[in-house]
Protein backbone atom coordinates (compact mmCIF):
# COMPACT_ATOMS: atom_id res chain seq x y z
CA MET A 1 -43.60 88.33 -34.72
CA LEU A 2 -43.88 85.06 -36.61
CA PHE A 3 -44.15 82.50 -33.83
CA SER A 4 -46.39 81.73 -30.87
CA ASN A 5 -45.49 80.56 -27.39
CA MET A 6 -45.93 76.87 -26.60
CA PRO A 7 -46.17 75.56 -23.03
CA PRO A 8 -43.56 73.02 -21.90
CA LEU A 9 -44.57 69.40 -21.34
CA GLU A 10 -43.96 70.03 -17.63
CA ALA A 11 -47.05 72.25 -17.66
CA VAL A 12 -49.14 69.30 -18.85
CA LYS A 13 -47.67 67.15 -16.08
CA ILE A 14 -48.43 69.82 -13.49
CA LEU A 15 -52.12 69.79 -14.43
CA CYS A 16 -52.10 65.98 -14.25
CA SER A 17 -50.41 66.15 -10.85
CA GLU A 18 -52.98 68.62 -9.54
CA LEU A 19 -55.78 66.34 -10.68
CA ALA A 20 -54.19 63.45 -8.77
CA THR A 21 -53.17 65.33 -5.61
CA ARG A 22 -55.84 67.97 -5.11
CA LYS A 23 -58.75 65.93 -6.48
CA LYS A 24 -61.12 68.73 -5.44
CA ASN A 25 -61.09 72.47 -5.94
CA LYS A 26 -61.40 75.24 -3.36
CA LYS A 27 -65.17 74.69 -3.22
CA GLY A 28 -64.77 70.98 -2.49
CA LYS A 29 -65.99 69.89 -5.93
CA ASP A 30 -64.34 67.16 -8.00
CA LEU A 31 -61.76 68.29 -10.53
CA ARG A 32 -61.72 67.10 -14.12
CA LEU A 33 -59.18 67.47 -16.90
CA ALA A 34 -60.57 68.05 -20.41
CA LEU A 35 -59.14 68.76 -23.85
CA TYR A 36 -60.90 71.17 -26.20
CA ASP A 37 -59.92 71.44 -29.86
CA ILE A 38 -60.61 74.64 -31.80
CA SER A 39 -61.68 74.11 -35.41
CA ARG A 40 -59.79 76.13 -38.05
CA ALA A 41 -58.02 78.14 -35.36
CA HIS A 42 -55.82 80.20 -37.69
CA PHE A 43 -58.82 81.68 -39.49
CA TYR A 44 -60.08 83.60 -36.44
CA GLY A 45 -57.31 86.19 -36.09
CA GLU A 46 -57.48 89.51 -37.92
CA ALA A 47 -54.78 89.87 -40.59
CA GLN A 48 -52.02 92.22 -39.48
CA ARG A 49 -50.22 92.41 -42.83
CA GLU A 50 -51.23 92.94 -46.43
CA ILE A 51 -51.29 89.45 -47.90
CA TYR A 52 -52.62 88.89 -51.41
CA VAL A 53 -53.84 85.51 -52.61
CA THR A 54 -55.30 84.11 -55.82
CA PHE A 55 -59.01 83.46 -56.04
CA PRO A 56 -60.27 79.89 -55.53
CA ALA A 57 -60.76 77.71 -58.57
CA GLY A 58 -63.91 78.76 -60.38
CA ASP A 59 -63.85 82.32 -59.01
CA GLU A 60 -60.73 83.56 -60.78
CA GLN A 61 -60.71 87.13 -62.07
CA GLU A 62 -58.02 87.99 -64.55
CA GLY A 63 -55.74 90.75 -63.31
CA HIS A 64 -57.21 90.66 -59.78
CA ARG A 65 -56.08 89.25 -56.45
CA ALA A 66 -57.77 88.98 -53.07
CA ILE A 67 -56.45 90.51 -49.84
CA LEU A 68 -56.83 88.53 -46.63
CA LYS A 69 -58.92 90.03 -43.84
CA LYS A 70 -58.27 87.01 -41.62
CA THR A 71 -55.10 85.03 -41.19
CA MET A 72 -54.90 81.73 -43.02
CA CYS A 73 -53.06 78.47 -42.46
CA GLY A 74 -49.68 78.62 -44.15
CA THR A 75 -49.04 82.33 -43.65
CA GLN A 76 -45.95 83.07 -41.57
CA ASP A 77 -47.59 84.96 -38.72
CA ALA A 78 -50.78 82.86 -38.48
CA SER A 79 -49.82 81.15 -35.19
CA HIS A 80 -48.79 84.42 -33.55
CA VAL A 81 -52.00 86.19 -34.59
CA TRP A 82 -54.03 83.22 -33.32
CA GLN A 83 -52.31 83.38 -29.92
CA GLU A 84 -52.92 87.11 -29.71
CA ASP A 85 -56.59 86.57 -30.57
CA TYR A 86 -57.36 83.90 -27.93
CA SER A 87 -55.21 85.70 -25.32
CA ASN A 88 -57.21 88.91 -25.70
CA HIS A 89 -60.46 86.96 -25.57
CA LEU A 90 -59.50 85.14 -22.37
CA LYS A 91 -58.24 88.28 -20.66
CA LYS A 92 -61.58 89.97 -21.35
CA LYS A 93 -63.15 87.08 -19.40
CA HIS A 94 -60.84 87.81 -16.42
CA PHE A 95 -58.30 85.09 -17.07
CA HIS A 96 -54.77 85.88 -15.88
CA GLN A 97 -52.04 85.18 -18.41
CA GLY A 98 -48.71 83.66 -17.41
CA GLN A 99 -45.62 85.86 -17.58
CA ALA A 100 -42.94 83.25 -18.27
CA TRP A 101 -45.25 81.20 -20.50
CA THR A 102 -47.91 83.33 -22.17
CA SER A 103 -49.88 80.23 -23.23
CA VAL A 104 -50.78 79.40 -19.61
CA PHE A 105 -53.83 80.93 -17.93
CA ARG A 106 -55.81 80.80 -14.70
CA HIS A 107 -59.21 82.08 -13.58
CA ASP A 108 -59.14 82.67 -9.82
CA GLU A 109 -62.88 83.07 -9.23
CA SER A 110 -63.81 79.83 -11.00
CA ASP A 111 -60.59 78.04 -9.99
CA ILE A 112 -59.74 77.19 -13.61
CA LYS A 113 -56.24 76.41 -14.83
CA LEU A 114 -55.47 75.86 -18.50
CA LEU A 115 -52.78 75.82 -21.12
CA VAL A 116 -52.99 76.26 -24.87
CA HIS A 117 -50.88 74.25 -27.29
CA GLY A 118 -51.62 75.36 -30.83
CA ASP A 119 -55.38 74.91 -31.16
CA ASP A 120 -55.74 72.61 -28.11
CA PHE A 121 -57.00 73.91 -24.76
CA LEU A 122 -56.16 71.64 -21.81
CA VAL A 123 -58.39 72.70 -18.91
CA LEU A 124 -58.45 71.67 -15.24
CA ALA A 125 -61.65 72.65 -13.42
CA ASP A 126 -64.79 71.27 -11.79
CA GLN A 127 -68.00 70.70 -13.72
CA GLU A 128 -69.16 74.30 -13.32
CA GLY A 129 -65.74 75.54 -14.37
CA HIS A 130 -65.87 73.47 -17.55
CA GLU A 131 -69.33 74.76 -18.34
CA TYR A 132 -68.03 78.31 -17.96
CA MET A 133 -65.00 77.49 -20.15
CA GLN A 134 -67.24 76.03 -22.83
CA GLN A 135 -69.35 79.17 -22.75
CA VAL A 136 -66.25 81.35 -23.14
CA LEU A 137 -65.01 79.34 -26.12
CA LYS A 138 -68.45 79.15 -27.73
CA GLU A 139 -68.78 82.94 -27.78
CA LYS A 140 -66.07 83.21 -30.44
CA TYR A 141 -64.86 79.82 -31.62
CA GLU A 142 -66.13 76.55 -32.96
CA TYR A 143 -64.76 73.72 -30.84
CA ARG A 144 -65.16 70.10 -29.81
CA CYS A 145 -64.24 68.23 -26.65
CA ASP A 146 -61.69 65.49 -27.41
CA GLY A 147 -61.94 63.82 -24.00
CA GLU A 148 -62.34 64.31 -20.27
CA ILE A 149 -60.94 62.42 -17.28
CA GLY A 150 -61.68 62.62 -13.60
CA LYS A 151 -64.12 61.27 -11.05
CA GLY A 152 -67.33 60.34 -12.83
CA ALA A 153 -65.80 61.10 -16.23
CA GLY A 154 -63.62 59.13 -18.65
CA LYS A 155 -60.53 57.08 -17.90
CA HIS A 156 -58.21 57.96 -20.78
CA LEU A 157 -57.19 61.15 -22.52
CA THR A 158 -54.70 61.64 -25.35
CA ILE A 159 -52.67 64.84 -25.08
CA LEU A 160 -50.02 65.57 -27.71
CA ASN A 161 -49.94 61.84 -28.45
CA ARG A 162 -49.29 61.11 -24.76
CA THR A 163 -51.84 58.89 -23.05
CA VAL A 164 -53.05 60.11 -19.65
CA SER A 165 -55.09 57.59 -17.65
CA TYR A 166 -57.24 58.10 -14.56
CA GLU A 167 -58.19 55.36 -12.07
CA GLN A 168 -61.71 55.96 -10.81
CA GLU A 169 -61.21 53.93 -7.60
CA THR A 170 -57.98 55.55 -6.37
CA GLY A 171 -57.77 58.83 -8.27
CA ARG A 172 -54.31 57.82 -9.52
CA VAL A 173 -53.12 59.45 -12.74
CA THR A 174 -50.56 57.86 -15.06
CA TYR A 175 -48.74 59.53 -17.94
CA LYS A 176 -47.49 57.41 -20.83
CA ALA A 177 -44.86 58.90 -23.10
CA ASP A 178 -45.24 59.24 -26.85
CA PRO A 179 -44.79 55.71 -28.30
CA ARG A 180 -43.43 57.21 -31.52
CA HIS A 181 -40.23 58.15 -29.68
CA ALA A 182 -39.51 54.52 -28.84
CA GLU A 183 -40.21 53.50 -32.42
CA MET A 184 -37.83 56.20 -33.65
CA ILE A 185 -35.02 54.97 -31.39
CA ILE A 186 -35.55 51.39 -32.55
CA ARG A 187 -35.30 52.48 -36.19
CA GLN A 188 -32.18 54.59 -35.57
CA LEU A 189 -30.44 51.65 -33.88
CA ASN A 190 -31.58 49.19 -36.59
CA LEU A 191 -33.30 47.00 -34.00
CA GLN A 192 -36.50 46.34 -35.95
CA ASN A 193 -35.75 42.61 -36.22
CA ALA A 194 -34.16 42.23 -32.79
CA LYS A 195 -35.63 39.74 -30.33
CA GLY A 196 -36.53 40.73 -26.82
CA ILE A 197 -34.83 38.94 -23.91
CA THR A 198 -35.30 38.90 -20.18
CA THR A 199 -32.91 41.15 -18.31
CA PRO A 200 -30.25 38.92 -16.64
CA ALA A 201 -30.53 40.76 -13.33
CA GLU A 202 -34.31 40.61 -13.23
CA LYS A 203 -35.55 39.17 -9.95
CA LYS A 204 -38.32 36.60 -9.88
CA LYS A 205 -40.88 36.01 -7.18
CA SER A 206 -40.84 32.74 -5.23
CA SER A 207 -44.16 31.77 -6.78
CA GLU A 208 -42.72 32.22 -10.29
CA VAL A 209 -39.66 30.07 -9.51
CA LEU A 210 -41.83 27.33 -7.97
CA ALA A 211 -44.11 27.40 -10.99
CA SER A 212 -41.16 27.01 -13.37
CA TRP A 213 -39.82 24.01 -11.37
CA THR A 214 -43.21 22.34 -11.45
CA SER A 215 -43.74 22.96 -15.17
CA THR A 216 -40.28 21.75 -16.24
CA GLY A 217 -40.23 18.67 -13.97
CA ASP A 218 -36.53 19.04 -13.17
CA GLY A 219 -36.60 16.39 -10.41
CA ARG A 220 -36.32 18.62 -7.36
CA SER A 221 -37.61 16.94 -4.25
CA GLU A 222 -40.88 17.87 -2.63
CA HIS A 223 -38.88 18.70 0.51
CA ALA A 224 -36.75 21.20 -1.36
CA LEU A 225 -39.82 22.84 -2.87
CA GLN A 226 -41.42 23.09 0.56
CA GLU A 227 -38.30 24.62 2.09
CA PHE A 228 -38.03 27.15 -0.73
CA GLY A 229 -41.67 28.06 -0.43
CA ASN A 230 -41.31 28.69 3.30
CA GLU A 231 -38.09 30.67 3.14
CA SER A 232 -37.86 33.94 5.09
CA PRO A 233 -37.52 37.20 3.20
CA ILE A 234 -34.01 38.54 2.81
CA PRO A 235 -33.57 41.59 5.04
CA SER A 236 -32.88 44.84 3.27
CA ALA A 237 -29.63 46.74 3.74
CA ARG A 238 -31.39 49.12 6.10
CA GLN A 239 -32.80 46.28 8.18
CA SER A 240 -29.48 44.40 8.48
CA ARG A 241 -27.36 47.48 9.16
CA PRO A 242 -26.34 47.78 12.84
CA GLU A 243 -27.58 50.92 14.48
C-alpha cells in the first residue's frame, strides 16, 4: 500500500463537541483537548521495500549506493509505513483502533479518545490521560505539544489551520473554518478589489437606529424618537398565530 488513512474533519468536530458537552470524563475530571506533533514521523517506520539512495554530499563512494533501513520522506509508501508503525505501538498500549477509520483510537481504561492526521495526534482526555499519552509517545517518538484547550488550560488551538477556541467561563467551544478557503473563493471570483456593503435585508436594533438619527441630525422630533424608543416588540409568527 502507498497511502495512509486520514480521519474526516467530522472526527475533529466530534472531539470538540465532546469537550463542550461532556466537560468531564467518567471519573468526573475535567477534559482537555491537546495537539501533539511528531518530529520527523516518516523516519520511524521500518523500510518494507529495497530502496537505494545516493550518499549525502561529502560521504559519496564511487560505485556504491545506500539501502534504506527506515522509510524516508519522499518515498511512496512512507505515510503507510508510518501509520502501521504508530498503530502497532498504540495497540500494544491497549488502544482500540477504529474499523471504519483506522486513524481513530480510544483507550477505555484511561478514557482517552484520539485521532491521527499525518504526524499530528489530537487527543481528548483529562490531565492524567494526557500524562499517560505523553508517556506512550515518548517511549518511541520525539514530539512536542502544539497547544491545549480546556478548563484551566489554553483558550485557542489551531488544528489543520482551523482555529478552535474555548471559553473558560462557559465551556463553550467554537470552530472557525480555514480562512484560506475564503481567500481562494475571493481570488477565483476576482473580488480582490471589491468593496464590502451592508446586506439590504439586515435588521438593525432600535438602539442603532436611534443612534443614527441622533448622529445625522435629520430633524426628527423628540416625540417621534421617544415613541420609537418605547415601541413594543413585533410578535413572532408563532406568537401571532391563532391556536
